[in-house]
């Protein structure tokens, strides 16, 4: 089971929707969902295991959306960030110059 919601959340009224995975890789996934999403939209995607615990929690961008014959939609998503692990920024010195390193 996959839960997804728009990111950033702009309205309390729009909750999470549920879909299922058709294909998953290290860089993205294909989902079957009830409603189409606009190309370029950001979604927070949480995949839950059989025990209900999250196995994946990522931000993803909608790359494509296609209608299915049963009225549902396929979404092609590209992962853009791991939403559980915020990046830390550290300042390092390199040859006398300061630079920001993630």
PDB file of N, CA and C in Angstrom:
ATOM      1  N   UNK A   1       0.837  -1.178   0.000  1.00  0.00           N
ATOM      2  CA  UNK A   1       0.000   0.000   0.000  1.00  0.00           C
ATOM      3  C   UNK A   1       0.885   1.245   0.000  1.00  0.00           C
ATOM      4  N   UNK A   2       0.452   2.240  -0.738  1.00  0.00           N
ATOM      5  CA  UNK A   2       1.186   3.502  -0.834  1.00  0.00           C
ATOM      6  C   UNK A   2       0.241   4.640  -0.471  1.00  0.00           C
ATOM      7  N   UNK A   3       0.703   5.516   0.403  1.00  0.00           N
ATOM      8  CA  UNK A   3      -0.052   6.726   0.732  1.00  0.00           C
ATOM      9  C   UNK A   3       0.652   7.894   0.059  1.00  0.00           C
ATOM     10  N   UNK A   4      -0.129   8.836  -0.481  1.00  0.00           N
ATOM     11  CA  UNK A   4       0.487  10.006  -1.090  1.00  0.00           C
ATOM     12  C   UNK A   4      -0.336  11.241  -0.791  1.00  0.00           C
ATOM     13  N   UNK A   5       0.367  12.365  -0.711  1.00  0.00           N
ATOM     14  CA  UNK A   5      -0.286  13.649  -0.461  1.00  0.00           C
ATOM     15  C   UNK A   5       0.535  14.743  -1.124  1.00  0.00           C
ATOM     16  N   UNK A   6      -0.117  15.849  -1.485  1.00  0.00           N
ATOM     17  CA  UNK A   6       0.604  16.965  -2.109  1.00  0.00           C
ATOM     18  C   UNK A   6       1.650  17.520  -1.151  1.00  0.00           C
ATOM     19  N   UNK A   7       2.734  18.030  -1.703  1.00  0.00           N
ATOM     20  CA  UNK A   7       3.787  18.655  -0.907  1.00  0.00           C
ATOM     21  C   UNK A   7       4.142  19.992  -1.546  1.00  0.00           C
ATOM     22  N   UNK A   8       4.249  21.070  -0.804  1.00  0.00           N
ATOM     23  CA  UNK A   8       3.918  21.154   0.616  1.00  0.00           C
ATOM     24  C   UNK A   8       2.412  21.132   0.803  1.00  0.00           C
ATOM     25  N   UNK A   9       1.993  20.779   1.988  1.00  0.00           N
ATOM     26  CA  UNK A   9       0.567  20.723   2.297  1.00  0.00           C
ATOM     27  C   UNK A   9       0.035  22.145   2.399  1.00  0.00           C
ATOM     28  N   UNK A  10      -0.942  22.476   1.562  1.00  0.00           N
ATOM     29  CA  UNK A  10      -1.471  23.842   1.532  1.00  0.00           C
ATOM     30  C   UNK A  10      -2.893  23.935   2.077  1.00  0.00           C
ATOM     31  N   UNK A  11      -3.527  22.795   2.312  1.00  0.00           N
ATOM     32  CA  UNK A  11      -4.906  22.804   2.798  1.00  0.00           C
ATOM     33  C   UNK A  11      -5.119  21.660   3.772  1.00  0.00           C
ATOM     34  N   UNK A  12      -5.808  21.938   4.846  1.00  0.00           N
ATOM     35  CA  UNK A  12      -6.132  20.886   5.809  1.00  0.00           C
ATOM     36  C   UNK A  12      -7.115  19.884   5.230  1.00  0.00           C
ATOM     37  N   UNK A  13      -7.945  20.341   4.306  1.00  0.00           N
ATOM     38  CA  UNK A  13      -9.026  19.515   3.776  1.00  0.00           C
ATOM     39  C   UNK A  13      -8.544  18.396   2.859  1.00  0.00           C
ATOM     40  N   UNK A  14      -7.383  18.563   2.269  1.00  0.00           N
ATOM     41  CA  UNK A  14      -6.897  17.531   1.358  1.00  0.00           C
ATOM     42  C   UNK A  14      -6.020  16.553   2.122  1.00  0.00           C
ATOM     43  N   UNK A  15      -6.561  15.379   2.348  1.00  0.00           N
ATOM     44  CA  UNK A  15      -5.836  14.357   3.091  1.00  0.00           C
ATOM     45  C   UNK A  15      -4.971  13.508   2.185  1.00  0.00           C
ATOM     46  N   UNK A  16      -4.498  12.427   2.735  1.00  0.00           N
ATOM     47  CA  UNK A  16      -3.674  11.494   1.974  1.00  0.00           C
ATOM     48  C   UNK A  16      -4.580  10.577   1.156  1.00  0.00           C
ATOM     49  N   UNK A  17      -4.127  10.227  -0.033  1.00  0.00           N
ATOM     50  CA  UNK A  17      -4.852   9.253  -0.840  1.00  0.00           C
ATOM     51  C   UNK A  17      -4.026   7.963  -0.876  1.00  0.00           C
ATOM     52  N   UNK A  18      -4.643   6.909  -1.333  1.00  0.00           N
ATOM     53  CA  UNK A  18      -4.017   5.596  -1.322  1.00  0.00           C
ATOM     54  C   UNK A  18      -3.897   5.075  -2.744  1.00  0.00           C
ATOM     55  N   UNK A  19      -2.787   4.403  -3.027  1.00  0.00           N
ATOM     56  CA  UNK A  19      -2.572   3.794  -4.327  1.00  0.00           C
ATOM     57  C   UNK A  19      -1.825   2.485  -4.157  1.00  0.00           C
ATOM     58  N   UNK A  20      -1.415   1.891  -5.268  1.00  0.00           N
ATOM     59  CA  UNK A  20      -0.623   0.669  -5.213  1.00  0.00           C
ATOM     60  C   UNK A  20       0.519   0.763  -6.219  1.00  0.00           C
ATOM     61  N   UNK A  21       1.603   0.089  -5.915  1.00  0.00           N
ATOM     62  CA  UNK A  21       2.777   0.145  -6.789  1.00  0.00           C
ATOM     63  C   UNK A  21       2.642  -0.855  -7.923  1.00  0.00           C
ATOM     64  N   UNK A  22       3.036  -0.389  -9.086  1.00  0.00           N
ATOM     65  CA  UNK A  22       3.117  -1.261 -10.258  1.00  0.00           C
ATOM     66  C   UNK A  22       4.574  -1.624 -10.498  1.00  0.00           C
ATOM     67  N   UNK A  23       5.444  -0.648 -10.230  1.00  0.00           N
ATOM     68  CA  UNK A  23       6.871  -0.811 -10.477  1.00  0.00           C
ATOM     69  C   UNK A  23       7.601   0.130  -9.532  1.00  0.00           C
ATOM     70  N   UNK A  24       8.720  -0.304  -8.984  1.00  0.00           N
ATOM     71  CA  UNK A  24       9.499   0.537  -8.078  1.00  0.00           C
ATOM     72  C   UNK A  24      10.984   0.324  -8.354  1.00  0.00           C
ATOM     73  N   UNK A  25      11.744   1.434  -8.355  1.00  0.00           N
ATOM     74  CA  UNK A  25      13.191   1.357  -8.524  1.00  0.00           C
ATOM     75  C   UNK A  25      13.839   2.324  -7.540  1.00  0.00           C
ATOM     76  N   UNK A  26      15.146   2.420  -7.576  1.00  0.00           N
ATOM     77  CA  UNK A  26      15.868   3.329  -6.678  1.00  0.00           C
ATOM     78  C   UNK A  26      15.582   4.791  -7.009  1.00  0.00           C
ATOM     79  N   UNK A  27      15.152   5.088  -8.238  1.00  0.00           N
ATOM     80  CA  UNK A  27      14.967   6.480  -8.663  1.00  0.00           C
ATOM     81  C   UNK A  27      13.517   6.910  -8.804  1.00  0.00           C
ATOM     82  N   UNK A  28      12.570   5.959  -8.700  1.00  0.00           N
ATOM     83  CA  UNK A  28      11.172   6.340  -8.847  1.00  0.00           C
ATOM     84  C   UNK A  28      10.244   5.148  -8.794  1.00  0.00           C
ATOM     85  N   UNK A  29       8.979   5.391  -9.145  1.00  0.00           N
ATOM     86  CA  UNK A  29       7.983   4.323  -9.127  1.00  0.00           C
ATOM     87  C   UNK A  29       6.805   4.667 -10.021  1.00  0.00           C
ATOM     88  N   UNK A  30       6.039   3.647 -10.346  1.00  0.00           N
ATOM     89  CA  UNK A  30       4.787   3.799 -11.070  1.00  0.00           C
ATOM     90  C   UNK A  30       3.685   3.381 -10.110  1.00  0.00           C
ATOM     91  N   UNK A  31       2.674   4.240  -9.957  1.00  0.00           N
ATOM     92  CA  UNK A  31       1.577   3.982  -9.034  1.00  0.00           C
ATOM     93  C   UNK A  31       0.244   3.934  -9.748  1.00  0.00           C
ATOM     94  N   UNK A  32      -0.652   3.101  -9.261  1.00  0.00           N
ATOM     95  CA  UNK A  32      -2.042   3.105  -9.673  1.00  0.00           C
ATOM     96  C   UNK A  32      -2.834   3.886  -8.634  1.00  0.00           C
ATOM     97  N   UNK A  33      -3.522   4.948  -9.067  1.00  0.00           N
ATOM     98  CA  UNK A  33      -4.255   5.826  -8.141  1.00  0.00           C
ATOM     99  C   UNK A  33      -5.645   6.151  -8.698  1.00  0.00           C
ATOM    100  N   UNK A  34      -6.513   6.694  -7.829  1.00  0.00           N
ATOM    101  CA  UNK A  34      -7.866   7.051  -8.251  1.00  0.00           C
ATOM    102  C   UNK A  34      -7.922   8.363  -9.030  1.00  0.00           C
ATOM    103  N   UNK A  35      -7.090   9.335  -8.662  1.00  0.00           N
ATOM    104  CA  UNK A  35      -7.147  10.668  -9.273  1.00  0.00           C
ATOM    105  C   UNK A  35      -5.838  11.020  -9.957  1.00  0.00           C
ATOM    106  N   UNK A  36      -5.929  11.697 -11.076  1.00  0.00           N
ATOM    107  CA  UNK A  36      -4.741  12.148 -11.792  1.00  0.00           C
ATOM    108  C   UNK A  36      -4.066  13.278 -11.023  1.00  0.00           C
ATOM    109  N   UNK A  37      -2.774  13.421 -11.190  1.00  0.00           N
ATOM    110  CA  UNK A  37      -2.008  14.535 -10.630  1.00  0.00           C
ATOM    111  C   UNK A  37      -1.353  15.265 -11.791  1.00  0.00           C
ATOM    112  N   UNK A  38      -1.137  16.558 -11.627  1.00  0.00           N
ATOM    113  CA  UNK A  38      -0.508  17.349 -12.687  1.00  0.00           C
ATOM    114  C   UNK A  38       0.963  17.018 -12.813  1.00  0.00           C
ATOM    115  N   UNK A  39       1.452  17.036 -14.057  1.00  0.00           N
ATOM    116  CA  UNK A  39       2.874  16.832 -14.313  1.00  0.00           C
ATOM    117  C   UNK A  39       3.669  17.915 -13.590  1.00  0.00           C
ATOM    118  N   UNK A  40       4.722  17.516 -12.891  1.00  0.00           N
ATOM    119  CA  UNK A  40       5.555  18.453 -12.149  1.00  0.00           C
ATOM    120  C   UNK A  40       5.147  18.621 -10.697  1.00  0.00           C
ATOM    121  N   UNK A  41       3.973  18.109 -10.310  1.00  0.00           N
ATOM    122  CA  UNK A  41       3.505  18.234  -8.926  1.00  0.00           C
ATOM    123  C   UNK A  41       4.424  17.445  -7.991  1.00  0.00           C
ATOM    124  N   UNK A  42       4.628  17.977  -6.786  1.00  0.00           N
ATOM    125  CA  UNK A  42       5.404  17.270  -5.769  1.00  0.00           C
ATOM    126  C   UNK A  42       4.467  16.529  -4.836  1.00  0.00           C
ATOM    127  N   UNK A  43       4.824  15.293  -4.520  1.00  0.00           N
ATOM    128  CA  UNK A  43       4.016  14.455  -3.639  1.00  0.00           C
ATOM    129  C   UNK A  43       4.900  13.846  -2.561  1.00  0.00           C
ATOM    130  N   UNK A  44       4.351  13.719  -1.366  1.00  0.00           N
ATOM    131  CA  UNK A  44       5.021  12.948  -0.335  1.00  0.00           C
ATOM    132  C   UNK A  44       4.469  11.535  -0.446  1.00  0.00           C
ATOM    133  N   UNK A  45       5.354  10.564  -0.619  1.00  0.00           N
ATOM    134  CA  UNK A  45       4.972   9.178  -0.864  1.00  0.00           C
ATOM    135  C   UNK A  45       5.471   8.317   0.292  1.00  0.00           C
ATOM    136  N   UNK A  46       4.559   7.552   0.889  1.00  0.00           N
ATOM    137  CA  UNK A  46       4.922   6.627   1.966  1.00  0.00           C
ATOM    138  C   UNK A  46       4.466   5.230   1.584  1.00  0.00           C
ATOM    139  N   UNK A  47       5.410   4.309   1.477  1.00  0.00           N
ATOM    140  CA  UNK A  47       5.097   2.902   1.200  1.00  0.00           C
ATOM    141  C   UNK A  47       5.068   2.178   2.540  1.00  0.00           C
ATOM    142  N   UNK A  48       4.018   1.431   2.776  1.00  0.00           N
ATOM    143  CA  UNK A  48       3.868   0.695   4.040  1.00  0.00           C
ATOM    144  C   UNK A  48       3.999  -0.803   3.793  1.00  0.00           C
ATOM    145  N   UNK A  49       4.703  -1.465   4.704  1.00  0.00           N
ATOM    146  CA  UNK A  49       4.873  -2.911   4.634  1.00  0.00           C
ATOM    147  C   UNK A  49       3.635  -3.637   5.127  1.00  0.00           C
ATOM    148  N   UNK A  50       3.695  -4.957   5.153  1.00  0.00           N
ATOM    149  CA  UNK A  50       2.572  -5.782   5.594  1.00  0.00           C
ATOM    150  C   UNK A  50       2.194  -5.504   7.050  1.00  0.00           C
ATOM    151  N   UNK A  51       3.170  -5.070   7.856  1.00  0.00           N
ATOM    152  CA  UNK A  51       2.908  -4.768   9.263  1.00  0.00           C
ATOM    153  C   UNK A  51       2.379  -3.347   9.480  1.00  0.00           C
ATOM    154  N   UNK A  52       2.237  -2.568   8.390  1.00  0.00           N
ATOM    155  CA  UNK A  52       1.721  -1.205   8.478  1.00  0.00           C
ATOM    156  C   UNK A  52       2.773  -0.143   8.721  1.00  0.00           C
ATOM    157  N   UNK A  53       3.999  -0.556   8.969  1.00  0.00           N
ATOM    158  CA  UNK A  53       5.075   0.410   9.197  1.00  0.00           C
ATOM    159  C   UNK A  53       5.641   0.909   7.873  1.00  0.00           C
ATOM    160  N   UNK A  54       6.058   2.188   7.846  1.00  0.00           N
ATOM    161  CA  UNK A  54       6.622   2.731   6.609  1.00  0.00           C
ATOM    162  C   UNK A  54       7.950   2.057   6.246  1.00  0.00           C
ATOM    163  N   UNK A  55       8.063   1.649   4.992  1.00  0.00           N
ATOM    164  CA  UNK A  55       9.325   1.110   4.489  1.00  0.00           C
ATOM    165  C   UNK A  55      10.028   2.124   3.594  1.00  0.00           C
ATOM    166  N   UNK A  56       9.284   3.147   3.165  1.00  0.00           N
ATOM    167  CA  UNK A  56       9.834   4.195   2.308  1.00  0.00           C
ATOM    168  C   UNK A  56       9.031   5.460   2.544  1.00  0.00           C
ATOM    169  N   UNK A  57       9.714   6.582   2.707  1.00  0.00           N
ATOM    170  CA  UNK A  57       9.054   7.872   2.901  1.00  0.00           C
ATOM    171  C   UNK A  57       9.854   8.889   2.099  1.00  0.00           C
ATOM    172  N   UNK A  58       9.369   9.255   0.911  1.00  0.00           N
ATOM    173  CA  UNK A  58      10.142  10.094  -0.009  1.00  0.00           C
ATOM    174  C   UNK A  58       9.284  11.202  -0.598  1.00  0.00           C
ATOM    175  N   UNK A  59       9.962  12.243  -1.053  1.00  0.00           N
ATOM    176  CA  UNK A  59       9.312  13.257  -1.879  1.00  0.00           C
ATOM    177  C   UNK A  59       9.541  12.848  -3.319  1.00  0.00           C
ATOM    178  N   UNK A  60       8.503  13.009  -4.139  1.00  0.00           N
ATOM    179  CA  UNK A  60       8.594  12.601  -5.534  1.00  0.00           C
ATOM    180  C   UNK A  60       7.916  13.634  -6.422  1.00  0.00           C
ATOM    181  N   UNK A  61       8.384  13.713  -7.662  1.00  0.00           N
ATOM    182  CA  UNK A  61       7.812  14.608  -8.671  1.00  0.00           C
ATOM    183  C   UNK A  61       7.063  13.761  -9.692  1.00  0.00           C
ATOM    184  N   UNK A  62       5.860  14.218 -10.071  1.00  0.00           N
ATOM    185  CA  UNK A  62       5.074  13.526 -11.095  1.00  0.00           C
ATOM    186  C   UNK A  62       5.710  13.810 -12.455  1.00  0.00           C
ATOM    187  N   UNK A  63       6.155  12.762 -13.123  1.00  0.00           N
ATOM    188  CA  UNK A  63       6.775  12.879 -14.443  1.00  0.00           C
ATOM    189  C   UNK A  63       5.739  12.688 -15.536  1.00  0.00           C
ATOM    190  N   UNK A  64       4.799  11.785 -15.305  1.00  0.00           N
ATOM    191  CA  UNK A  64       3.715  11.564 -16.263  1.00  0.00           C
ATOM    192  C   UNK A  64       2.498  10.992 -15.559  1.00  0.00           C
ATOM    193  N   UNK A  65       1.342  11.138 -16.210  1.00  0.00           N
ATOM    194  CA  UNK A  65       0.078  10.600 -15.711  1.00  0.00           C
ATOM    195  C   UNK A  65      -0.717  10.092 -16.906  1.00  0.00           C
ATOM    196  N   UNK A  66      -1.214   8.858 -16.810  1.00  0.00           N
ATOM    197  CA  UNK A  66      -1.985   8.272 -17.913  1.00  0.00           C
ATOM    198  C   UNK A  66      -3.268   7.647 -17.386  1.00  0.00           C
ATOM    199  N   UNK A  67      -4.384   7.892 -18.067  1.00  0.00           N
ATOM    200  CA  UNK A  67      -5.641   7.264 -17.644  1.00  0.00           C
ATOM    201  C   UNK A  67      -5.633   5.769 -17.959  1.00  0.00           C
ATOM    202  N   UNK A  68      -6.328   5.009 -17.127  1.00  0.00           N
ATOM    203  CA  UNK A  68      -6.503   3.577 -17.352  1.00  0.00           C
ATOM    204  C   UNK A  68      -7.915   3.344 -17.863  1.00  0.00           C
ATOM    205  N   UNK A  69      -8.179   2.174 -18.382  1.00  0.00           N
ATOM    206  CA  UNK A  69      -9.514   1.866 -18.933  1.00  0.00           C
ATOM    207  C   UNK A  69     -10.595   1.805 -17.848  1.00  0.00           C
ATOM    208  N   UNK A  70     -10.208   1.588 -16.590  1.00  0.00           N
ATOM    209  CA  UNK A  70     -11.194   1.496 -15.508  1.00  0.00           C
ATOM    210  C   UNK A  70     -11.462   2.840 -14.824  1.00  0.00           C
ATOM    211  N   UNK A  71     -10.934   3.945 -15.376  1.00  0.00           N
ATOM    212  CA  UNK A  71     -11.172   5.271 -14.815  1.00  0.00           C
ATOM    213  C   UNK A  71     -10.122   5.723 -13.816  1.00  0.00           C
ATOM    214  N   UNK A  72      -9.255   4.812 -13.396  1.00  0.00           N
ATOM    215  CA  UNK A  72      -8.158   5.186 -12.504  1.00  0.00           C
ATOM    216  C   UNK A  72      -7.000   5.726 -13.347  1.00  0.00           C
ATOM    217  N   UNK A  73      -5.847   5.980 -12.717  1.00  0.00           N
ATOM    218  CA  UNK A  73      -4.709   6.563 -13.429  1.00  0.00           C
ATOM    219  C   UNK A  73      -3.406   5.904 -13.015  1.00  0.00           C
ATOM    220  N   UNK A  74      -2.464   5.853 -13.954  1.00  0.00           N
ATOM    221  CA  UNK A  74      -1.085   5.479 -13.658  1.00  0.00           C
ATOM    222  C   UNK A  74      -0.306   6.769 -13.480  1.00  0.00           C
ATOM    223  N   UNK A  75       0.531   6.833 -12.448  1.00  0.00           N
ATOM    224  CA  UNK A  75       1.427   7.971 -12.239  1.00  0.00           C
ATOM    225  C   UNK A  75       2.862   7.490 -12.304  1.00  0.00           C
ATOM    226  N   UNK A  76       3.685   8.194 -13.072  1.00  0.00           N
ATOM    227  CA  UNK A  76       5.120   7.942 -13.089  1.00  0.00           C
ATOM    228  C   UNK A  76       5.788   8.972 -12.192  1.00  0.00           C
ATOM    229  N   UNK A  77       6.481   8.516 -11.146  1.00  0.00           N
ATOM    230  CA  UNK A  77       7.092   9.412 -10.171  1.00  0.00           C
ATOM    231  C   UNK A  77       8.604   9.285 -10.170  1.00  0.00           C
ATOM    232  N   UNK A  78       9.266  10.412  -9.972  1.00  0.00           N
ATOM    233  CA  UNK A  78      10.728  10.457  -9.832  1.00  0.00           C
ATOM    234  C   UNK A  78      11.033  10.943  -8.413  1.00  0.00           C
ATOM    235  N   UNK A  79      11.825  10.178  -7.657  1.00  0.00           N
ATOM    236  CA  UNK A  79      12.174  10.583  -6.307  1.00  0.00           C
ATOM    237  C   UNK A  79      13.095  11.793  -6.341  1.00  0.00           C
ATOM    238  N   UNK A  80      12.817  12.764  -5.472  1.00  0.00           N
ATOM    239  CA  UNK A  80      13.663  13.956  -5.402  1.00  0.00           C
ATOM    240  C   UNK A  80      14.339  14.105  -4.050  1.00  0.00           C
ATOM    241  N   UNK A  81      13.812  13.509  -2.981  1.00  0.00           N
ATOM    242  CA  UNK A  81      14.434  13.610  -1.662  1.00  0.00           C
ATOM    243  C   UNK A  81      13.839  12.574  -0.727  1.00  0.00           C
ATOM    244  N   UNK A  82      14.621  12.215   0.285  1.00  0.00           N
ATOM    245  CA  UNK A  82      14.145  11.345   1.357  1.00  0.00           C
ATOM    246  C   UNK A  82      13.579  12.254   2.428  1.00  0.00           C
ATOM    247  N   UNK A  83      12.276  12.210   2.655  1.00  0.00           N
ATOM    248  CA  UNK A  83      11.647  13.170   3.566  1.00  0.00           C
ATOM    249  C   UNK A  83      11.928  12.873   5.034  1.00  0.00           C
ATOM    250  N   UNK A  84      12.482  11.717   5.354  1.00  0.00           N
ATOM    251  CA  UNK A  84      12.814  11.420   6.750  1.00  0.00           C
ATOM    252  C   UNK A  84      14.215  11.869   7.121  1.00  0.00           C
ATOM    253  N   UNK A  85      15.070  12.115   6.143  1.00  0.00           N
ATOM    254  CA  UNK A  85      16.455  12.463   6.414  1.00  0.00           C
ATOM    255  C   UNK A  85      16.776  13.837   5.851  1.00  0.00           C
ATOM    256  N   UNK A  86      16.567  14.883   6.634  1.00  0.00           N
ATOM    257  CA  UNK A  86      16.905  16.209   6.116  1.00  0.00           C
ATOM    258  C   UNK A  86      18.410  16.318   5.907  1.00  0.00           C
ATOM    259  N   UNK A  87      18.792  17.008   4.846  1.00  0.00           N
ATOM    260  CA  UNK A  87      20.210  17.187   4.567  1.00  0.00           C
ATOM    261  C   UNK A  87      20.811  18.179   5.550  1.00  0.00           C
ATOM    262  N   UNK A  88      21.988  17.870   5.990  1.00  0.00           N
ATOM    263  CA  UNK A  88      22.689  18.803   6.863  1.00  0.00           C
ATOM    264  C   UNK A  88      23.720  19.546   6.022  1.00  0.00           C
ATOM    265  N   UNK A  89      23.903  20.780   6.351  1.00  0.00           N
ATOM    266  CA  UNK A  89      24.866  21.599   5.622  1.00  0.00           C
ATOM    267  C   UNK A  89      25.998  21.920   6.572  1.00  0.00           C
ATOM    268  N   UNK A  90      27.230  21.647   6.121  1.00  0.00           N
ATOM    269  CA  UNK A  90      28.409  21.922   6.936  1.00  0.00           C
ATOM    270  C   UNK A  90      29.334  22.844   6.172  1.00  0.00           C
ATOM    271  N   UNK A  91      29.962  23.741   6.885  1.00  0.00           N
ATOM    272  CA  UNK A  91      30.977  24.601   6.276  1.00  0.00           C
ATOM    273  C   UNK A  91      32.316  23.907   6.396  1.00  0.00           C
ATOM    274  N   UNK A  92      33.035  23.854   5.297  1.00  0.00           N
ATOM    275  CA  UNK A  92      34.371  23.268   5.313  1.00  0.00           C
ATOM    276  C   UNK A  92      35.348  24.270   4.742  1.00  0.00           C
ATOM    277  N   UNK A  93      36.589  24.148   5.138  1.00  0.00           N
ATOM    278  CA  UNK A  93      37.653  24.998   4.597  1.00  0.00           C
ATOM    279  C   UNK A  93      38.377  24.214   3.522  1.00  0.00           C
ATOM    280  N   UNK A  94      38.548  24.814   2.379  1.00  0.00           N
ATOM    281  CA  UNK A  94      39.258  24.166   1.290  1.00  0.00           C
ATOM    282  C   UNK A  94      40.197  25.178   0.657  1.00  0.00           C
ATOM    283  N   UNK A  95      41.472  24.963   0.851  1.00  0.00           N
ATOM    284  CA  UNK A  95      42.504  25.829   0.270  1.00  0.00           C
ATOM    285  C   UNK A  95      42.263  27.299   0.605  1.00  0.00           C
ATOM    286  N   UNK A  96      41.919  27.516   1.863  1.00  0.00           N
ATOM    287  CA  UNK A  96      41.758  28.900   2.310  1.00  0.00           C
ATOM    288  C   UNK A  96      40.406  29.522   2.001  1.00  0.00           C
ATOM    289  N   UNK A  97      39.544  28.815   1.285  1.00  0.00           N
ATOM    290  CA  UNK A  97      38.228  29.343   0.966  1.00  0.00           C
ATOM    291  C   UNK A  97      37.155  28.545   1.704  1.00  0.00           C
ATOM    292  N   UNK A  98      36.084  29.209   2.064  1.00  0.00           N
ATOM    293  CA  UNK A  98      34.944  28.531   2.686  1.00  0.00           C
ATOM    294  C   UNK A  98      34.022  28.024   1.601  1.00  0.00           C
ATOM    295  N   UNK A  99      33.473  26.854   1.807  1.00  0.00           N
ATOM    296  CA  UNK A  99      32.455  26.353   0.879  1.00  0.00           C
ATOM    297  C   UNK A  99      31.430  25.555   1.665  1.00  0.00           C
ATOM    298  N   UNK A 100      30.231  25.489   1.136  1.00  0.00           N
ATOM    299  CA  UNK A 100      29.144  24.752   1.781  1.00  0.00           C
ATOM    300  C   UNK A 100      29.113  23.367   1.198  1.00  0.00           C
ATOM    301  N   UNK A 101      29.039  22.376   2.088  1.00  0.00           N
ATOM    302  CA  UNK A 101      29.016  20.983   1.657  1.00  0.00           C
ATOM    303  C   UNK A 101      27.808  20.286   2.262  1.00  0.00           C
ATOM    304  N   UNK A 102      27.049  19.573   1.445  1.00  0.00           N
ATOM    305  CA  UNK A 102      25.862  18.857   1.955  1.00  0.00           C
ATOM    306  C   UNK A 102      26.251  17.468   2.385  1.00  0.00           C
TER     307      UNK A 102
END
